[in-house]
Protein backbone atom coordinates (compact mmCIF):
# COMPACT_ATOMS: atom_id res chain seq x y z
CA UNK A 1 -20.57 -24.41 50.28
CA UNK A 2 -20.74 -27.39 53.06
CA UNK A 3 -19.19 -25.85 55.92
CA UNK A 4 -19.31 -29.37 57.94
CA UNK A 5 -20.08 -33.03 56.74
CA UNK A 6 -20.79 -34.56 60.37
CA UNK A 7 -17.76 -34.25 62.32
CA UNK A 8 -15.03 -33.56 59.27
CA UNK A 9 -14.90 -29.65 58.68
CA UNK A 10 -14.76 -28.99 54.50
CA UNK A 11 -11.61 -26.72 53.95
CA UNK A 12 -12.34 -27.31 49.71
CA UNK A 13 -13.87 -28.93 46.89
CA UNK A 14 -11.57 -31.23 45.04
CA UNK A 15 -13.84 -33.49 42.68
CA UNK A 16 -17.15 -33.55 41.69
CA UNK A 17 -18.56 -36.60 39.71
CA UNK A 18 -21.77 -37.62 38.56
CA UNK A 19 -22.40 -38.80 41.79
CA UNK A 20 -20.39 -37.63 44.08
CA UNK A 21 -18.51 -35.26 44.98
CA UNK A 22 -15.37 -35.15 47.25
CA UNK A 23 -14.27 -32.48 49.75
CA UNK A 24 -11.34 -32.19 51.35
CA UNK A 25 -12.24 -32.24 55.09
CA UNK A 26 -10.31 -32.03 58.73
CA UNK A 27 -11.85 -33.57 61.69
CA UNK A 28 -10.78 -32.58 65.31
CA UNK A 29 -9.74 -36.28 66.12
CA UNK A 30 -7.97 -37.48 62.86
CA UNK A 31 -4.22 -36.18 63.01
CA UNK A 32 -4.27 -36.34 58.90
CA UNK A 33 -6.15 -34.74 55.92
CA UNK A 34 -9.28 -36.98 54.86
CA UNK A 35 -10.65 -36.95 51.63
CA UNK A 36 -14.61 -37.02 52.25
CA UNK A 37 -17.15 -37.82 49.25
CA UNK A 38 -20.79 -37.20 49.54
CA UNK A 39 -23.18 -39.02 48.07
CA UNK A 40 -26.80 -37.11 47.44
CA UNK A 41 -29.78 -39.65 47.48
CA UNK A 42 -32.23 -36.58 46.07
CA UNK A 43 -35.35 -34.97 47.02
CA UNK A 44 -37.49 -37.48 48.88
CA UNK A 45 -40.45 -35.90 46.71
CA UNK A 46 -39.41 -36.31 43.89
CA UNK A 47 -39.73 -40.01 41.88
CA UNK A 48 -36.32 -41.24 42.61
CA UNK A 49 -37.08 -43.71 45.16
CA UNK A 50 -35.18 -46.85 42.60
CA UNK A 51 -32.04 -44.03 42.33
CA UNK A 52 -31.83 -43.72 45.41
CA UNK A 53 -31.98 -47.26 46.39
CA UNK A 54 -29.78 -48.27 44.12
CA UNK A 55 -27.04 -45.22 45.35
CA UNK A 56 -27.22 -46.42 48.85
CA UNK A 57 -26.14 -49.97 47.64
CA UNK A 58 -23.76 -48.49 45.80
CA UNK A 59 -22.76 -46.53 48.51
CA UNK A 60 -22.71 -49.48 50.78
CA UNK A 61 -20.87 -51.29 48.56
CA UNK A 62 -17.87 -48.74 48.30
CA UNK A 63 -17.98 -48.71 52.65
CA UNK A 64 -17.97 -52.56 53.24
CA UNK A 65 -15.55 -53.45 50.60
CA UNK A 66 -13.09 -50.75 50.82
CA UNK A 67 -13.12 -51.47 54.22
CA UNK A 68 -11.75 -55.11 54.57
CA UNK A 69 -9.09 -54.50 51.39
CA UNK A 70 -5.81 -53.08 53.73
CA UNK A 71 -2.87 -52.67 50.97
CA UNK A 72 -0.15 -50.09 50.35
CA UNK A 73 -2.30 -49.56 46.54
CA UNK A 74 -5.56 -49.31 47.75
CA UNK A 75 -7.32 -46.42 49.10
CA UNK A 76 -8.02 -46.56 52.91
CA UNK A 77 -11.28 -46.06 54.52
CA UNK A 78 -11.88 -44.22 57.27
CA UNK A 79 -15.39 -43.62 58.25
CA UNK A 80 -18.70 -44.47 56.60
CA UNK A 81 -21.85 -43.01 57.48
CA UNK A 82 -25.54 -43.36 55.88
CA UNK A 83 -28.17 -40.86 56.16
CA UNK A 84 -31.94 -40.27 55.34
CA UNK A 85 -31.29 -38.15 52.41
CA UNK A 86 -27.40 -38.20 51.50
CA UNK A 87 -24.19 -40.83 52.75
CA UNK A 88 -20.60 -40.09 53.21
CA UNK A 89 -17.05 -41.95 52.64
CA UNK A 90 -14.34 -40.59 54.91
CA UNK A 91 -10.60 -41.99 53.43
CA UNK A 92 -7.79 -41.00 52.70
CA UNK A 93 -5.84 -37.95 51.08
CA UNK A 94 -3.80 -38.42 48.42
CA UNK A 95 -2.62 -34.94 47.01
CA UNK A 96 -1.64 -35.62 43.48
CA UNK A 97 -3.73 -36.71 40.16
CA UNK A 98 -5.92 -39.53 38.64
CA UNK A 99 -3.86 -41.12 36.16
CA UNK A 100 -6.14 -40.02 33.28
CA UNK A 101 -4.26 -36.79 33.33
CA UNK A 102 -1.41 -38.74 31.95
CA UNK A 103 -3.91 -39.95 29.24
CA UNK A 104 -2.87 -37.03 26.89
CA UNK A 105 -0.43 -37.02 24.32
CA UNK A 106 1.35 -34.02 25.70
CA UNK A 107 1.07 -35.28 29.07
CA UNK A 108 2.19 -38.74 28.26
CA UNK A 109 4.61 -40.51 30.90
CA UNK A 110 7.76 -42.33 30.26
CA UNK A 111 7.39 -45.77 29.55
CA UNK A 112 9.22 -47.39 32.74
CA UNK A 113 6.95 -44.99 35.21
CA UNK A 114 4.04 -46.08 32.76
CA UNK A 115 4.42 -49.13 33.36
CA UNK A 116 5.93 -49.08 37.43
CA UNK A 117 2.53 -47.77 37.58
CA UNK A 118 0.62 -50.77 35.65
CA UNK A 119 2.48 -52.62 37.60
CA UNK A 120 1.20 -51.86 41.34
CA UNK A 121 -2.29 -51.77 40.13
CA UNK A 122 -1.56 -55.42 39.63
CA UNK A 123 -1.02 -56.08 42.96
CA UNK A 124 -3.80 -54.33 44.25
CA UNK A 125 -6.71 -56.05 41.55
CA UNK A 126 -4.11 -59.27 42.75
CA UNK A 127 -4.86 -59.13 46.25
CA UNK A 128 -8.24 -57.46 46.21
CA UNK A 129 -9.34 -61.26 44.30
CA UNK A 130 -7.89 -62.79 47.27
CA UNK A 131 -9.88 -60.93 49.21
CA UNK A 132 -13.11 -62.30 47.29
CA UNK A 133 -13.19 -58.43 45.23
CA UNK A 134 -13.55 -57.89 41.87
CA UNK A 135 -13.29 -54.43 41.11
CA UNK A 136 -15.13 -53.99 37.84
CA UNK A 137 -14.64 -50.44 37.15
CA UNK A 138 -11.29 -49.96 35.89
CA UNK A 139 -9.63 -47.11 34.86
CA UNK A 140 -7.52 -44.10 34.98
CA UNK A 141 -9.78 -42.07 36.55
CA UNK A 142 -10.18 -44.84 39.37
CA UNK A 143 -6.08 -44.56 40.03
CA UNK A 144 -4.84 -42.01 41.99
CA UNK A 145 -1.56 -41.10 41.28
CA UNK A 146 0.73 -39.48 44.20
CA UNK A 147 4.13 -37.83 44.96
CA UNK A 148 7.35 -40.29 44.02
CA UNK A 149 4.49 -42.40 41.92
CA UNK A 150 2.10 -43.37 45.60
CA UNK A 151 -0.60 -45.57 43.65
CA UNK A 152 -3.84 -45.63 45.25
CA UNK A 153 -7.09 -47.84 43.20
CA UNK A 154 -10.10 -45.93 44.05
CA UNK A 155 -13.68 -46.13 43.26
CA UNK A 156 -15.07 -49.96 44.75
CA UNK A 157 -18.91 -48.60 44.37
CA UNK A 158 -19.24 -51.30 41.51
CA UNK A 159 -16.79 -53.99 42.93
CA UNK A 160 -18.93 -57.52 43.04
CA UNK A 161 -17.82 -60.05 46.12
CA UNK A 162 -17.32 -63.08 44.44
CA UNK A 163 -17.24 -65.18 48.00
CA UNK A 164 -21.18 -64.62 47.18
CA UNK A 165 -23.88 -66.23 44.81
CA UNK A 166 -24.33 -63.74 41.88
CA UNK A 167 -27.97 -64.45 42.31
CA UNK A 168 -28.26 -63.47 45.75
CA UNK A 169 -25.78 -60.21 45.93
CA UNK A 170 -27.45 -57.37 45.97
CA UNK A 171 -24.57 -55.56 44.89
CA UNK A 172 -24.50 -57.54 41.36
CA UNK A 173 -25.31 -55.40 38.71
CA UNK A 174 -25.22 -56.47 35.45
CA UNK A 175 -23.70 -53.83 32.58
CA UNK A 176 -21.51 -51.67 34.81
CA UNK A 177 -18.44 -50.24 34.13
CA UNK A 178 -17.31 -47.69 31.82
CA UNK A 179 -17.83 -49.09 28.02
CA UNK A 180 -13.87 -48.26 26.41
CA UNK A 181 -12.54 -49.86 29.00
CA UNK A 182 -14.90 -53.02 29.66
CA UNK A 183 -14.53 -56.78 28.74
CA UNK A 184 -16.20 -58.69 26.06
CA UNK A 185 -17.07 -60.89 28.81
CA UNK A 186 -18.32 -57.83 30.78
CA UNK A 187 -20.34 -56.17 27.58
CA UNK A 188 -22.47 -59.64 27.16
CA UNK A 189 -23.22 -59.72 30.91
CA UNK A 190 -21.59 -62.49 31.86
CA UNK A 191 -20.65 -64.07 35.09
CA UNK A 192 -17.32 -61.61 35.91
CA UNK A 193 -14.27 -62.62 37.68
CA UNK A 194 -10.99 -61.47 38.25
CA UNK A 195 -9.77 -61.35 34.65
CA UNK A 196 -12.26 -58.77 33.79
CA UNK A 197 -10.05 -56.09 36.13
CA UNK A 198 -6.90 -57.09 34.51
CA UNK A 199 -8.40 -56.60 30.54
CA UNK A 200 -9.51 -53.21 32.01
CA UNK A 201 -6.39 -52.80 33.11
CA UNK A 202 -4.79 -54.14 29.18
CA UNK A 203 -7.22 -51.35 28.48
CA UNK A 204 -5.27 -48.70 30.80
CA UNK A 205 -1.86 -49.94 29.77
CA UNK A 206 -2.68 -49.55 26.38
CA UNK A 207 -4.30 -45.80 26.87
CA UNK A 208 -0.71 -44.72 28.35
CA UNK A 209 1.56 -46.09 25.76
CA UNK A 210 0.26 -44.71 23.16
CA UNK A 211 -2.11 -42.00 23.94
CA UNK A 212 -5.65 -43.61 23.01
CA UNK A 213 -7.42 -46.56 23.58
CA UNK A 214 -7.75 -50.11 21.67
CA UNK A 215 -10.52 -49.64 19.89
CA UNK A 216 -12.43 -46.36 19.51
CA UNK A 217 -15.97 -45.72 17.76
CA UNK A 218 -18.60 -42.90 17.18
CA UNK A 219 -21.27 -44.92 18.88
CA UNK A 220 -21.44 -46.86 21.56
CA UNK A 221 -22.68 -50.15 19.60
CA UNK A 222 -19.97 -50.08 17.18
CA UNK A 223 -17.41 -50.07 20.43
CA UNK A 224 -18.91 -52.46 21.88
CA UNK A 225 -18.53 -54.89 18.64
CA UNK A 226 -15.27 -53.66 18.09
CA UNK A 227 -14.79 -55.02 21.84
CA UNK A 228 -16.02 -58.61 21.45
CA UNK A 229 -14.83 -59.15 17.41
CA UNK A 230 -12.04 -56.65 16.78
CA UNK A 231 -8.10 -57.49 17.48
CA UNK A 232 -6.16 -54.39 18.94
CA UNK A 233 -3.34 -52.66 17.44
CA UNK A 234 -0.27 -53.48 18.61
CA UNK A 235 1.22 -50.34 20.67
CA UNK A 236 4.60 -50.32 18.72
CA UNK A 237 3.04 -49.73 15.72
CA UNK A 238 1.33 -46.23 17.65
CA UNK A 239 5.18 -45.65 19.69
CA UNK A 240 7.84 -46.78 18.13
CA UNK A 241 9.28 -46.06 21.57
CA UNK A 242 6.86 -49.05 22.83
CA UNK A 243 9.64 -52.65 22.68
CA UNK A 244 7.84 -55.61 21.22
CA UNK A 245 7.84 -57.37 24.21
CA UNK A 246 4.99 -55.27 25.79
CA UNK A 247 2.88 -56.01 22.82
CA UNK A 248 2.56 -59.72 23.70
CA UNK A 249 2.12 -58.67 27.02
CA UNK A 250 -0.48 -56.30 26.07
CA UNK A 251 -2.26 -58.98 23.27
CA UNK A 252 -2.74 -61.59 26.58
CA UNK A 253 -4.15 -59.26 28.69
CA UNK A 254 -6.60 -57.91 26.14
CA UNK A 255 -7.19 -61.55 24.78
CA UNK A 256 -11.45 -62.30 24.40
CA UNK A 257 -10.81 -66.15 25.21
CA UNK A 258 -10.64 -65.64 29.15
CA UNK A 259 -8.74 -69.23 28.88
CA UNK A 260 -5.76 -67.47 26.84
CA UNK A 261 -6.09 -63.97 29.39
CA UNK A 262 -3.75 -63.48 32.79
CA UNK A 263 -5.18 -65.58 34.78
CA UNK A 264 -4.01 -63.43 38.34
CA UNK A 265 -2.48 -59.81 38.79
CA UNK A 266 0.54 -61.55 39.79
CA UNK A 267 1.27 -63.62 36.46
CA UNK A 268 0.38 -60.05 34.84
CA UNK A 269 2.72 -57.96 37.05
CA UNK A 270 5.71 -60.65 36.15
CA UNK A 271 5.37 -60.10 32.76
CA UNK A 272 5.39 -56.78 32.79
CA UNK A 273 8.65 -56.54 35.07
CA UNK A 274 10.38 -59.02 32.96
CA UNK A 275 9.44 -55.57 30.40
CA UNK A 276 10.67 -53.12 32.49
CA UNK A 277 14.06 -53.31 33.31
CA UNK A 278 15.09 -53.20 29.57
CA UNK A 279 13.35 -49.70 29.42
CA UNK A 280 15.75 -46.52 30.05
CA UNK A 281 14.40 -43.35 30.80
CA UNK A 282 17.51 -41.32 31.42
CA UNK A 283 17.16 -39.73 27.48
CA UNK A 284 13.58 -39.32 27.83
CA UNK A 285 12.35 -35.51 26.46
CA UNK A 286 8.56 -34.42 26.91
CA UNK A 287 6.79 -34.47 23.75
CA UNK A 288 6.97 -30.98 22.21
CA UNK A 289 4.35 -29.71 21.57
CA UNK A 290 4.75 -26.78 19.13
CA UNK A 291 4.24 -28.45 15.87
CA UNK A 292 1.30 -30.82 17.35
CA UNK A 293 -0.68 -27.22 17.95
CA UNK A 294 0.56 -25.82 14.43
CA UNK A 295 -1.44 -28.53 13.05
CA UNK A 296 -4.14 -28.53 15.18
CA UNK A 297 -5.50 -24.91 13.30
CA UNK A 298 -4.90 -26.30 10.09
CA UNK A 299 -8.41 -26.81 8.09
CA UNK A 300 -6.81 -30.29 6.33
CA UNK A 301 -7.06 -31.74 10.00
CA UNK A 302 -10.11 -30.36 11.29
CA UNK A 303 -11.82 -33.61 11.32
CA UNK A 304 -8.94 -35.69 13.30
CA UNK A 305 -9.14 -36.03 16.88
CA UNK A 306 -6.60 -34.12 19.22
CA UNK A 307 -4.69 -38.01 19.91
CA UNK A 308 -4.75 -38.34 15.69
CA UNK A 309 -3.06 -35.41 15.13
CA UNK A 310 -0.38 -36.90 17.50
CA UNK A 311 -0.43 -39.88 15.71
CA UNK A 312 0.26 -37.76 12.17
CA UNK A 313 3.28 -36.68 13.84
CA UNK A 314 4.84 -39.72 15.14
CA UNK A 315 4.84 -41.61 11.73
CA UNK A 316 5.62 -38.58 9.62
CA UNK A 317 8.54 -36.32 8.65
CA UNK A 318 9.04 -32.45 9.45
CA UNK A 319 11.23 -31.26 6.89
CA UNK A 320 12.78 -27.78 6.59
CA UNK A 321 13.64 -26.91 2.56
CA UNK A 322 15.22 -24.13 1.59
CA UNK A 323 14.39 -21.82 -1.78
CA UNK A 324 14.48 -23.66 -5.11
CA UNK A 325 15.27 -26.86 -3.61
CA UNK A 326 12.61 -29.63 -4.97
CA UNK A 327 10.50 -31.45 -3.45
CA UNK A 328 9.13 -33.92 -6.23
CA UNK A 329 10.02 -34.23 -9.73
CA UNK A 330 8.18 -35.57 -12.61
CA UNK A 331 8.83 -38.99 -13.51
CA UNK A 332 10.28 -40.50 -10.57
CA UNK A 333 8.85 -43.66 -8.85
CA UNK A 334 7.97 -41.96 -5.58
CA UNK A 335 4.54 -42.05 -3.48
CA UNK A 336 5.36 -40.07 -0.72
CA UNK A 337 2.44 -37.03 -0.40
CA UNK A 338 2.76 -34.12 1.89
CA UNK A 339 1.16 -31.45 3.50
CA UNK A 340 2.71 -27.76 3.21
CA UNK A 341 3.32 -26.20 6.16
CA UNK A 342 4.76 -22.79 5.38
CA UNK A 343 5.65 -21.23 2.79
CA UNK A 344 4.67 -21.44 -1.13
CA UNK A 345 5.45 -24.07 -4.04
CA UNK A 346 5.35 -23.79 -7.56
CA UNK A 347 4.05 -26.66 -9.42
CA UNK A 348 5.42 -26.83 -13.40
CA UNK A 349 4.53 -29.69 -16.65
CA UNK A 350 6.61 -30.48 -19.06
CA UNK A 351 8.79 -27.17 -17.61
CA UNK A 352 5.29 -24.96 -17.76
CA UNK A 353 3.55 -24.12 -14.80
CA UNK A 354 0.84 -25.28 -13.46
CA UNK A 355 0.13 -23.63 -10.07
CA UNK A 356 1.21 -22.30 -7.24
CA UNK A 357 0.54 -23.80 -3.66
CA UNK A 358 0.75 -22.24 -0.55
CA UNK A 359 0.36 -23.19 3.32
CA UNK A 360 -2.37 -25.61 3.56
CA UNK A 361 -2.62 -27.32 0.35
CA UNK A 362 -1.48 -31.04 -0.27
CA UNK A 363 1.05 -32.59 -2.63
CA UNK A 364 1.89 -35.40 -4.36
CA UNK A 365 -0.98 -37.24 -3.29
CA UNK A 366 -2.23 -38.50 -6.80
CA UNK A 367 0.36 -41.45 -6.60
CA UNK A 368 -0.78 -42.40 -3.16
CA UNK A 369 -4.93 -42.28 -4.28
CA UNK A 370 -4.33 -44.56 -6.65
CA UNK A 371 -0.92 -47.02 -6.68
CA UNK A 372 -1.57 -48.17 -9.83
CA UNK A 373 0.46 -45.02 -11.00
CA UNK A 374 3.47 -44.42 -9.10
CA UNK A 375 5.47 -41.99 -11.71
CA UNK A 376 5.10 -37.54 -10.92
CA UNK A 377 3.20 -36.27 -12.98
CA UNK A 378 4.65 -32.97 -11.83
CA UNK A 379 7.77 -31.61 -10.67
CA UNK A 380 7.96 -29.23 -7.67
CA UNK A 381 9.71 -26.65 -6.52
CA UNK A 382 10.07 -24.29 -3.41
CA UNK A 383 9.27 -20.90 -4.40
CA UNK A 384 10.09 -20.24 -0.81
CA UNK A 385 12.27 -21.61 2.69
CA UNK A 386 8.77 -24.45 3.13
CA UNK A 387 8.37 -26.27 5.90
CA UNK A 388 6.60 -29.60 4.54
CA UNK A 389 4.89 -32.40 6.43
CA UNK A 390 6.24 -35.73 4.58
CA UNK A 391 4.47 -38.98 4.67
CA UNK A 392 5.14 -42.19 3.25
CA UNK A 393 2.43 -44.32 2.86
CA UNK A 394 3.80 -47.58 4.58
CA UNK A 395 4.17 -45.60 7.84
CA UNK A 396 0.29 -44.41 7.25
CA UNK A 397 -0.36 -48.03 6.45
CA UNK A 398 0.57 -48.72 10.38
CA UNK A 399 -2.06 -45.75 11.22
CA UNK A 400 -5.14 -46.04 13.51
CA UNK A 401 -8.54 -47.29 11.47
CA UNK A 402 -9.86 -43.81 12.74
CA UNK A 403 -6.71 -41.92 11.20
CA UNK A 404 -6.58 -43.82 7.70
CA UNK A 405 -10.15 -42.88 7.36
CA UNK A 406 -9.71 -39.17 7.79
CA UNK A 407 -6.90 -39.29 6.14
CA UNK A 408 -7.94 -41.01 2.64
CA UNK A 409 -11.10 -38.20 3.11
CA UNK A 410 -8.88 -35.57 3.08
CA UNK A 411 -6.83 -36.65 0.23
CA UNK A 412 -10.03 -37.12 -1.57
CA UNK A 413 -11.30 -33.78 -0.88
CA UNK A 414 -8.99 -32.03 -2.05
CA UNK A 415 -8.70 -33.72 -5.03
CA UNK A 416 -12.36 -33.33 -6.33
CA UNK A 417 -11.85 -29.00 -5.10
CA UNK A 418 -8.75 -29.05 -7.81
CA UNK A 419 -10.83 -30.87 -10.62
CA UNK A 420 -13.62 -28.21 -9.83
CA UNK A 421 -11.40 -25.03 -10.14
CA UNK A 422 -9.88 -27.26 -13.14
CA UNK A 423 -13.53 -27.69 -15.00
CA UNK A 424 -14.19 -23.54 -14.22
CA UNK A 425 -10.72 -22.80 -15.32
CA UNK A 426 -11.16 -24.79 -19.00
CA UNK A 427 -14.79 -23.58 -18.89
CA UNK A 428 -14.24 -19.72 -19.08
CA UNK A 429 -11.34 -20.90 -21.62
CA UNK A 430 -13.98 -23.14 -23.21
CA UNK A 431 -17.06 -22.18 -26.55
CA UNK A 432 -20.17 -21.22 -25.87
CA UNK A 433 -23.01 -23.72 -26.05
CA UNK A 434 -26.57 -24.10 -25.93
CA UNK A 435 -27.73 -25.71 -23.18
CA UNK A 436 -31.88 -27.43 -23.25
CA UNK A 437 -34.99 -25.54 -22.02
CA UNK A 438 -38.37 -26.13 -20.74
CA UNK A 439 -39.39 -24.78 -23.78
CA UNK A 440 -35.70 -25.14 -26.50
CA UNK A 441 -32.74 -23.82 -26.49
CA UNK A 442 -30.69 -21.34 -25.43
CA UNK A 443 -27.34 -19.90 -25.95
CA UNK A 444 -25.55 -19.11 -23.05
CA UNK A 445 -23.12 -16.21 -23.63
CA UNK A 446 -22.22 -12.56 -21.87
CA UNK A 447 -24.49 -10.16 -22.11
CA UNK A 448 -26.97 -12.30 -24.63
CA UNK A 449 -29.54 -15.11 -24.18
CA UNK A 450 -31.41 -16.42 -27.29
CA UNK A 451 -33.91 -18.83 -27.11
CA UNK A 452 -35.86 -20.67 -29.79
CA UNK A 453 -39.58 -20.83 -29.55
CA UNK A 454 -42.02 -23.88 -30.81
CA UNK A 455 -44.06 -23.11 -34.04
CA UNK A 456 -47.30 -21.79 -32.26
CA UNK A 457 -49.06 -23.20 -35.35
CA UNK A 458 -49.00 -27.08 -35.55
CA UNK A 459 -47.74 -28.25 -39.31
CA UNK A 460 -49.41 -30.03 -41.73
């Protein structure tokens, strides 16, 4: 643990990233506590010259650009020092959390608060651009939230001074940024202006309102393809509390065509304010994580990401049924299906028991997988008090692509497993058959194997 960084006494470490560590510090000549970002350029004996030069460049960029920005929603810079093997930046200390802390479903902010935070970021980016600065790495981790929703935009290490010509600007580095929040033009390596920051802020707003990113993929190449070619889902489809007016705002922020996107932060902020005044949070209730925890432990949802489990809870119905209640009736026209959360049910056909199913089993999936046969082929009755997660195909159709893919895979797997078990049960009651072997046929049965051998003497 360091004792001092220059004249600044280290109190404790408060953050650590891939290239820098941030410490809470105090200096005798400064009344308030400060945050000191320390960048280590690496061991000179190692082959890190290129990396060190790049780190120095990014550090000096942040120091020079941030020092010229004076806005209530941009972090203040007090001091910057570059030494032989390290450099440090002294900035105001904000007691709070990075915005990514509130991007999880169980920590999502009330809609008016989320919109208010992004509104302040719009104003900060608008001011920065009027000073000739494009941030280029807008993401939740670079937005600090303090008491009373104090908002501070941080980390201008990748910023671009658009007042300079790109080919002469030593701070211009193509392809920088965080992939999930990068604009199509940034992904392509095109020259950037303020609209790339507004796109990234649109992604941040989408994330805050829905708990997920507009574009997700298992591989970077798939993500880049979606950013450049796919349309994002509407936030109101993923979160019913989001008004349709917000869909239009986010759609404009995420336009792939630069001419159709917001031209500046002030325009973006104006549209946000027109939607925000319609939002009320007096009745806001934090999401209950109990049901999420139950689903998260079930085998059916093993391959689902956390965000997809939360999505399932939003578009499904959580039903409680008493013993002898009928969940599904043979002959009814219905394609809803669901998952038994607790209790057990009896499945019958024509009044004859077909199966006893319990926790974690799916029922009614055939009507969803094969829409041509909507009539129920079996009756399902609760044999005990049952908790049942019911899914309507029309609601599921609005789910994210990833969630739909996992549902289909799990339902098909369920049908295949049941078919295998049914085949085994039928085979146990079937007749013995003769199976071919390399040298002839054998009769397979219990305790007896007969093999027909070829005639050793050829017939004339």
